[in-house]
Amino acid sequence: QALLRESGGGLVRAGDSLGLSCTGSERIFSRYTMAWFRQAPGKEPEFVASIRRYESVTDYADSVKGRFTIGRDNAKNILNLQMNNLKSEDTAVYYCAGTVTLGSRLRVDYSYWGQGAQVTVSS
């Protein structure tokens, strides 16, 4: 049974908006910093954004700052990523992940991962 599951990926055009969601177990959402990572074809996975559990402090990669917004609903165990003004370089498989390490950007710190959702942006 997957502990995290993404939804909402798809094919859009450059400049469009798209939202991703991630649902998971209460055990993860009640304690963990949650984040989005992505992996483009032929590239290493990279950090996109994170949000802490208690203060809801957010952190964004420079490449998405001002365009993407991360949010969480702890009562419903949902993590969201709103992506605006999408660019072709945003094309990737997007993963949600959870860690006990506050605000980490490092993949190795994340213990829980979803299966990924494909986002394709055509130019």
N, C-alpha and C. Protein backbone atom coordinates (compact mmCIF):
# COMPACT_ATOMS: atom_id res chain seq x y z
N GLN A 1 0.84 -1.19 0.00
CA GLN A 1 0.00 0.00 0.00
C GLN A 1 0.88 1.24 0.00
N ALA A 2 0.65 2.11 -1.03
CA ALA A 2 1.44 3.32 -1.12
C ALA A 2 1.04 4.27 0.00
N LEU A 3 2.06 4.84 0.66
CA LEU A 3 1.80 5.79 1.74
C LEU A 3 1.55 7.19 1.21
N LEU A 4 2.07 7.50 0.03
CA LEU A 4 1.85 8.77 -0.63
C LEU A 4 1.45 8.51 -2.07
N ARG A 5 0.51 9.30 -2.55
CA ARG A 5 0.03 9.11 -3.93
C ARG A 5 -0.26 10.45 -4.56
N GLU A 6 0.40 10.70 -5.72
CA GLU A 6 0.20 11.96 -6.44
C GLU A 6 -0.94 11.84 -7.44
N SER A 7 -1.52 12.99 -7.76
CA SER A 7 -2.53 13.06 -8.82
C SER A 7 -2.50 14.45 -9.43
N GLY A 8 -3.03 14.56 -10.64
CA GLY A 8 -3.19 15.87 -11.26
C GLY A 8 -2.21 16.19 -12.36
N GLY A 9 -1.30 15.31 -12.71
CA GLY A 9 -0.38 15.59 -13.79
C GLY A 9 -1.08 15.63 -15.14
N GLY A 10 -0.34 16.01 -16.17
CA GLY A 10 -0.93 16.05 -17.50
C GLY A 10 -0.08 16.80 -18.49
N LEU A 11 -0.67 17.05 -19.66
CA LEU A 11 -0.01 17.76 -20.75
C LEU A 11 -0.63 19.14 -20.88
N VAL A 12 0.21 20.17 -20.80
CA VAL A 12 -0.26 21.55 -20.92
C VAL A 12 0.68 22.31 -21.85
N ARG A 13 0.30 23.53 -22.18
CA ARG A 13 1.14 24.39 -23.02
C ARG A 13 1.91 25.37 -22.15
N ALA A 14 2.99 25.85 -22.68
CA ALA A 14 3.78 26.86 -21.98
C ALA A 14 2.89 28.05 -21.65
N GLY A 15 3.01 28.51 -20.40
CA GLY A 15 2.20 29.62 -19.94
C GLY A 15 0.94 29.20 -19.21
N ASP A 16 0.58 27.93 -19.34
CA ASP A 16 -0.61 27.41 -18.66
C ASP A 16 -0.33 27.15 -17.18
N SER A 17 -1.39 26.82 -16.46
CA SER A 17 -1.30 26.45 -15.05
C SER A 17 -1.76 25.01 -14.87
N LEU A 18 -1.25 24.40 -13.82
CA LEU A 18 -1.61 23.02 -13.50
C LEU A 18 -1.41 22.81 -12.01
N GLY A 19 -2.29 22.00 -11.42
CA GLY A 19 -2.16 21.70 -10.00
C GLY A 19 -1.89 20.24 -9.77
N LEU A 20 -1.03 19.95 -8.81
CA LEU A 20 -0.76 18.59 -8.37
C LEU A 20 -1.22 18.43 -6.93
N SER A 21 -1.67 17.23 -6.62
CA SER A 21 -2.05 16.91 -5.24
C SER A 21 -1.37 15.62 -4.83
N CYS A 22 -1.20 15.49 -3.53
CA CYS A 22 -0.61 14.29 -2.96
C CYS A 22 -1.39 13.95 -1.70
N THR A 23 -1.90 12.76 -1.64
CA THR A 23 -2.61 12.30 -0.44
C THR A 23 -1.76 11.25 0.25
N GLY A 24 -1.94 11.16 1.55
CA GLY A 24 -1.13 10.21 2.29
C GLY A 24 -1.71 9.87 3.62
N SER A 25 -0.94 9.12 4.39
CA SER A 25 -1.41 8.67 5.69
C SER A 25 -1.31 9.79 6.72
N GLU A 26 -2.18 9.71 7.70
CA GLU A 26 -2.18 10.69 8.78
C GLU A 26 -0.87 10.64 9.55
N ARG A 27 -0.28 9.48 9.61
CA ARG A 27 0.99 9.30 10.35
C ARG A 27 2.09 10.16 9.76
N ILE A 28 2.08 10.30 8.44
CA ILE A 28 3.10 11.11 7.78
C ILE A 28 2.76 12.59 7.91
N PHE A 29 1.53 12.94 7.57
CA PHE A 29 1.16 14.36 7.54
C PHE A 29 1.16 14.98 8.93
N SER A 30 0.99 14.19 9.97
CA SER A 30 0.92 14.76 11.32
C SER A 30 2.28 15.21 11.84
N ARG A 31 3.38 14.72 11.23
CA ARG A 31 4.70 15.00 11.79
C ARG A 31 5.70 15.57 10.80
N TYR A 32 5.49 15.30 9.52
CA TYR A 32 6.58 15.47 8.57
C TYR A 32 6.55 16.78 7.80
N THR A 33 7.77 17.27 7.49
CA THR A 33 7.91 18.25 6.42
C THR A 33 7.59 17.53 5.11
N MET A 34 6.79 18.18 4.27
CA MET A 34 6.42 17.59 2.99
C MET A 34 7.04 18.40 1.86
N ALA A 35 7.36 17.73 0.78
CA ALA A 35 8.05 18.42 -0.32
C ALA A 35 7.66 17.84 -1.66
N TRP A 36 7.99 18.58 -2.69
CA TRP A 36 7.89 18.13 -4.07
C TRP A 36 9.29 18.11 -4.67
N PHE A 37 9.61 17.03 -5.33
CA PHE A 37 10.81 16.91 -6.13
C PHE A 37 10.37 16.62 -7.56
N ARG A 38 11.30 16.76 -8.49
CA ARG A 38 11.00 16.41 -9.87
C ARG A 38 12.23 15.85 -10.55
N GLN A 39 11.98 15.03 -11.57
CA GLN A 39 13.07 14.47 -12.34
C GLN A 39 12.73 14.57 -13.81
N ALA A 40 13.53 15.35 -14.51
CA ALA A 40 13.36 15.50 -15.96
C ALA A 40 14.12 14.39 -16.66
N PRO A 41 13.75 14.07 -17.89
CA PRO A 41 14.44 13.01 -18.62
C PRO A 41 15.94 13.27 -18.73
N GLY A 42 16.72 12.28 -18.36
CA GLY A 42 18.17 12.39 -18.48
C GLY A 42 18.83 13.26 -17.43
N LYS A 43 18.07 13.69 -16.42
CA LYS A 43 18.64 14.57 -15.39
C LYS A 43 18.45 13.96 -14.00
N GLU A 44 19.24 14.48 -13.07
CA GLU A 44 19.11 14.06 -11.69
C GLU A 44 17.84 14.65 -11.09
N PRO A 45 17.26 13.97 -10.11
CA PRO A 45 16.11 14.54 -9.40
C PRO A 45 16.50 15.85 -8.72
N GLU A 46 15.58 16.78 -8.65
CA GLU A 46 15.88 18.06 -8.01
C GLU A 46 14.74 18.48 -7.10
N PHE A 47 15.11 19.21 -6.06
CA PHE A 47 14.15 19.78 -5.13
C PHE A 47 13.33 20.86 -5.81
N VAL A 48 12.04 20.89 -5.50
CA VAL A 48 11.15 21.91 -6.05
C VAL A 48 10.65 22.85 -4.94
N ALA A 49 10.04 22.29 -3.92
CA ALA A 49 9.47 23.10 -2.84
C ALA A 49 9.20 22.23 -1.63
N SER A 50 9.18 22.85 -0.45
CA SER A 50 8.84 22.13 0.77
C SER A 50 7.99 23.00 1.68
N ILE A 51 7.30 22.35 2.60
CA ILE A 51 6.48 23.06 3.57
C ILE A 51 6.54 22.29 4.89
N ARG A 52 6.82 23.02 5.96
CA ARG A 52 6.94 22.39 7.27
C ARG A 52 5.57 22.06 7.84
N ARG A 53 5.56 21.18 8.83
CA ARG A 53 4.30 20.71 9.39
C ARG A 53 3.64 21.77 10.25
N TYR A 54 4.34 22.35 11.19
CA TYR A 54 3.68 23.16 12.21
C TYR A 54 3.60 24.64 11.87
N GLU A 55 4.68 25.19 11.32
CA GLU A 55 4.65 26.62 11.02
C GLU A 55 4.22 26.90 9.59
N SER A 56 4.13 25.84 8.79
CA SER A 56 3.84 25.97 7.36
C SER A 56 4.83 26.88 6.66
N VAL A 57 6.06 26.89 7.15
CA VAL A 57 7.11 27.65 6.48
C VAL A 57 7.43 26.97 5.15
N THR A 58 7.54 27.75 4.11
CA THR A 58 7.78 27.20 2.78
C THR A 58 9.17 27.55 2.27
N ASP A 59 9.62 26.75 1.33
CA ASP A 59 10.93 26.95 0.70
C ASP A 59 10.78 26.54 -0.76
N TYR A 60 11.39 27.31 -1.65
CA TYR A 60 11.25 27.05 -3.08
C TYR A 60 12.61 27.07 -3.77
N ALA A 61 12.76 26.22 -4.75
CA ALA A 61 13.91 26.31 -5.63
C ALA A 61 13.81 27.62 -6.42
N ASP A 62 14.95 28.20 -6.72
CA ASP A 62 14.95 29.47 -7.45
C ASP A 62 14.24 29.36 -8.80
N SER A 63 14.32 28.19 -9.41
CA SER A 63 13.74 28.01 -10.74
C SER A 63 12.22 28.08 -10.75
N VAL A 64 11.58 27.91 -9.59
CA VAL A 64 10.12 27.92 -9.55
C VAL A 64 9.57 29.03 -8.67
N LYS A 65 10.43 29.74 -7.97
CA LYS A 65 9.98 30.78 -7.05
C LYS A 65 9.18 31.85 -7.80
N GLY A 66 8.02 32.18 -7.24
CA GLY A 66 7.15 33.16 -7.88
C GLY A 66 6.17 32.57 -8.87
N ARG A 67 6.37 31.32 -9.26
CA ARG A 67 5.46 30.64 -10.19
C ARG A 67 4.72 29.48 -9.53
N PHE A 68 5.38 28.79 -8.62
CA PHE A 68 4.78 27.63 -7.96
C PHE A 68 4.41 28.00 -6.52
N THR A 69 3.35 27.37 -6.02
CA THR A 69 2.92 27.56 -4.64
C THR A 69 2.63 26.21 -4.01
N ILE A 70 3.30 25.93 -2.90
CA ILE A 70 3.07 24.68 -2.18
C ILE A 70 2.13 24.96 -1.02
N GLY A 71 1.25 24.00 -0.74
CA GLY A 71 0.33 24.15 0.38
C GLY A 71 -0.03 22.78 0.94
N ARG A 72 -0.52 22.77 2.15
CA ARG A 72 -0.92 21.50 2.76
C ARG A 72 -2.17 21.70 3.59
N ASP A 73 -2.99 20.67 3.63
CA ASP A 73 -4.16 20.62 4.48
C ASP A 73 -3.95 19.43 5.41
N ASN A 74 -3.50 19.71 6.61
CA ASN A 74 -3.16 18.63 7.53
C ASN A 74 -4.40 17.87 8.01
N ALA A 75 -5.53 18.51 8.05
CA ALA A 75 -6.75 17.84 8.48
C ALA A 75 -7.19 16.78 7.47
N LYS A 76 -6.87 17.04 6.19
CA LYS A 76 -7.27 16.11 5.13
C LYS A 76 -6.10 15.30 4.60
N ASN A 77 -4.90 15.54 5.14
CA ASN A 77 -3.70 14.81 4.70
C ASN A 77 -3.46 14.99 3.21
N ILE A 78 -3.47 16.25 2.77
CA ILE A 78 -3.28 16.57 1.36
C ILE A 78 -2.17 17.59 1.22
N LEU A 79 -1.29 17.35 0.26
CA LEU A 79 -0.24 18.27 -0.13
C LEU A 79 -0.55 18.73 -1.55
N ASN A 80 -0.43 20.03 -1.80
CA ASN A 80 -0.72 20.57 -3.12
C ASN A 80 0.48 21.31 -3.70
N LEU A 81 0.50 21.40 -5.01
CA LEU A 81 1.48 22.22 -5.70
C LEU A 81 0.75 22.90 -6.86
N GLN A 82 0.59 24.21 -6.76
CA GLN A 82 -0.02 24.98 -7.84
C GLN A 82 1.10 25.54 -8.70
N MET A 83 1.05 25.21 -9.98
CA MET A 83 2.11 25.60 -10.90
C MET A 83 1.53 26.55 -11.94
N ASN A 84 2.03 27.77 -11.94
CA ASN A 84 1.57 28.79 -12.89
C ASN A 84 2.69 29.15 -13.87
N ASN A 85 2.29 29.72 -14.99
CA ASN A 85 3.26 30.15 -16.01
C ASN A 85 4.28 29.05 -16.29
N LEU A 86 3.78 27.87 -16.59
CA LEU A 86 4.65 26.72 -16.81
C LEU A 86 5.54 26.91 -18.03
N LYS A 87 6.73 26.36 -17.93
CA LYS A 87 7.71 26.45 -19.01
C LYS A 87 8.07 25.04 -19.45
N SER A 88 8.64 24.93 -20.65
CA SER A 88 8.99 23.59 -21.15
C SER A 88 9.99 22.92 -20.23
N GLU A 89 10.84 23.70 -19.57
CA GLU A 89 11.83 23.11 -18.67
C GLU A 89 11.22 22.58 -17.37
N ASP A 90 9.93 22.81 -17.16
CA ASP A 90 9.24 22.23 -16.01
C ASP A 90 8.78 20.81 -16.29
N THR A 91 8.94 20.35 -17.52
CA THR A 91 8.57 18.98 -17.86
C THR A 91 9.38 17.98 -17.05
N ALA A 92 8.68 17.12 -16.33
CA ALA A 92 9.34 16.16 -15.43
C ALA A 92 8.29 15.27 -14.80
N VAL A 93 8.79 14.24 -14.13
CA VAL A 93 7.94 13.46 -13.22
C VAL A 93 8.07 14.12 -11.85
N TYR A 94 6.94 14.45 -11.27
CA TYR A 94 6.91 15.13 -9.98
C TYR A 94 6.56 14.14 -8.87
N TYR A 95 7.35 14.20 -7.80
CA TYR A 95 7.17 13.29 -6.67
C TYR A 95 6.89 14.09 -5.41
N CYS A 96 5.96 13.62 -4.61
CA CYS A 96 5.82 14.17 -3.27
C CYS A 96 6.60 13.27 -2.31
N ALA A 97 7.06 13.87 -1.22
CA ALA A 97 7.91 13.15 -0.29
C ALA A 97 7.76 13.73 1.10
N GLY A 98 8.10 12.92 2.10
CA GLY A 98 8.00 13.36 3.49
C GLY A 98 9.28 13.08 4.25
N THR A 99 9.64 14.00 5.16
CA THR A 99 10.84 13.85 5.97
C THR A 99 10.61 14.40 7.37
N VAL A 100 11.33 13.84 8.34
CA VAL A 100 11.30 14.39 9.70
C VAL A 100 12.30 15.52 9.85
N THR A 101 13.17 15.70 8.87
CA THR A 101 14.19 16.75 8.93
C THR A 101 13.57 18.05 8.47
N LEU A 102 13.50 19.02 9.37
CA LEU A 102 12.82 20.27 9.08
C LEU A 102 13.39 20.97 7.85
N GLY A 103 12.53 21.20 6.85
CA GLY A 103 12.88 22.03 5.72
C GLY A 103 14.01 21.53 4.84
N SER A 104 14.28 20.23 4.86
CA SER A 104 15.40 19.72 4.08
C SER A 104 15.15 19.81 2.58
N ARG A 105 16.22 20.04 1.83
CA ARG A 105 16.19 20.00 0.37
C ARG A 105 16.88 18.75 -0.16
N LEU A 106 17.36 17.90 0.72
CA LEU A 106 18.15 16.74 0.31
C LEU A 106 17.28 15.51 0.16
N ARG A 107 17.40 14.86 -1.00
CA ARG A 107 16.61 13.65 -1.24
C ARG A 107 16.87 12.58 -0.21
N VAL A 108 18.10 12.48 0.25
CA VAL A 108 18.47 11.40 1.18
C VAL A 108 17.76 11.55 2.52
N ASP A 109 17.28 12.74 2.83
CA ASP A 109 16.58 12.95 4.10
C ASP A 109 15.13 12.49 4.05
N TYR A 110 14.62 12.25 2.87
CA TYR A 110 13.20 11.93 2.71
C TYR A 110 12.97 10.43 2.73
N SER A 111 12.12 10.00 3.67
CA SER A 111 11.88 8.57 3.88
C SER A 111 10.70 8.05 3.08
N TYR A 112 9.75 8.93 2.78
CA TYR A 112 8.52 8.49 2.14
C TYR A 112 8.36 9.20 0.80
N TRP A 113 7.98 8.40 -0.21
CA TRP A 113 7.87 8.92 -1.57
C TRP A 113 6.60 8.39 -2.23
N GLY A 114 6.04 9.23 -3.10
CA GLY A 114 4.95 8.78 -3.94
C GLY A 114 5.51 8.12 -5.20
N GLN A 115 4.61 7.68 -6.06
CA GLN A 115 5.03 6.96 -7.26
C GLN A 115 5.32 7.91 -8.43
N GLY A 116 4.93 9.17 -8.30
CA GLY A 116 5.24 10.17 -9.32
C GLY A 116 4.07 10.49 -10.22
N ALA A 117 4.06 11.71 -10.72
CA ALA A 117 3.03 12.17 -11.66
C ALA A 117 3.73 12.93 -12.79
N GLN A 118 3.40 12.57 -14.01
CA GLN A 118 4.06 13.18 -15.17
C GLN A 118 3.43 14.54 -15.48
N VAL A 119 4.31 15.53 -15.64
CA VAL A 119 3.89 16.86 -16.10
C VAL A 119 4.67 17.14 -17.38
N THR A 120 3.96 17.40 -18.46
CA THR A 120 4.60 17.70 -19.73
C THR A 120 4.12 19.06 -20.21
N VAL A 121 5.08 19.94 -20.50
CA VAL A 121 4.76 21.29 -20.95
C VAL A 121 5.29 21.45 -22.36
N SER A 122 4.38 21.67 -23.28
CA SER A 122 4.78 21.85 -24.68
C SER A 122 5.03 23.32 -24.96
N SER A 123 6.05 23.59 -25.75
CA SER A 123 6.40 24.99 -26.04
C SER A 123 5.71 25.48 -27.30
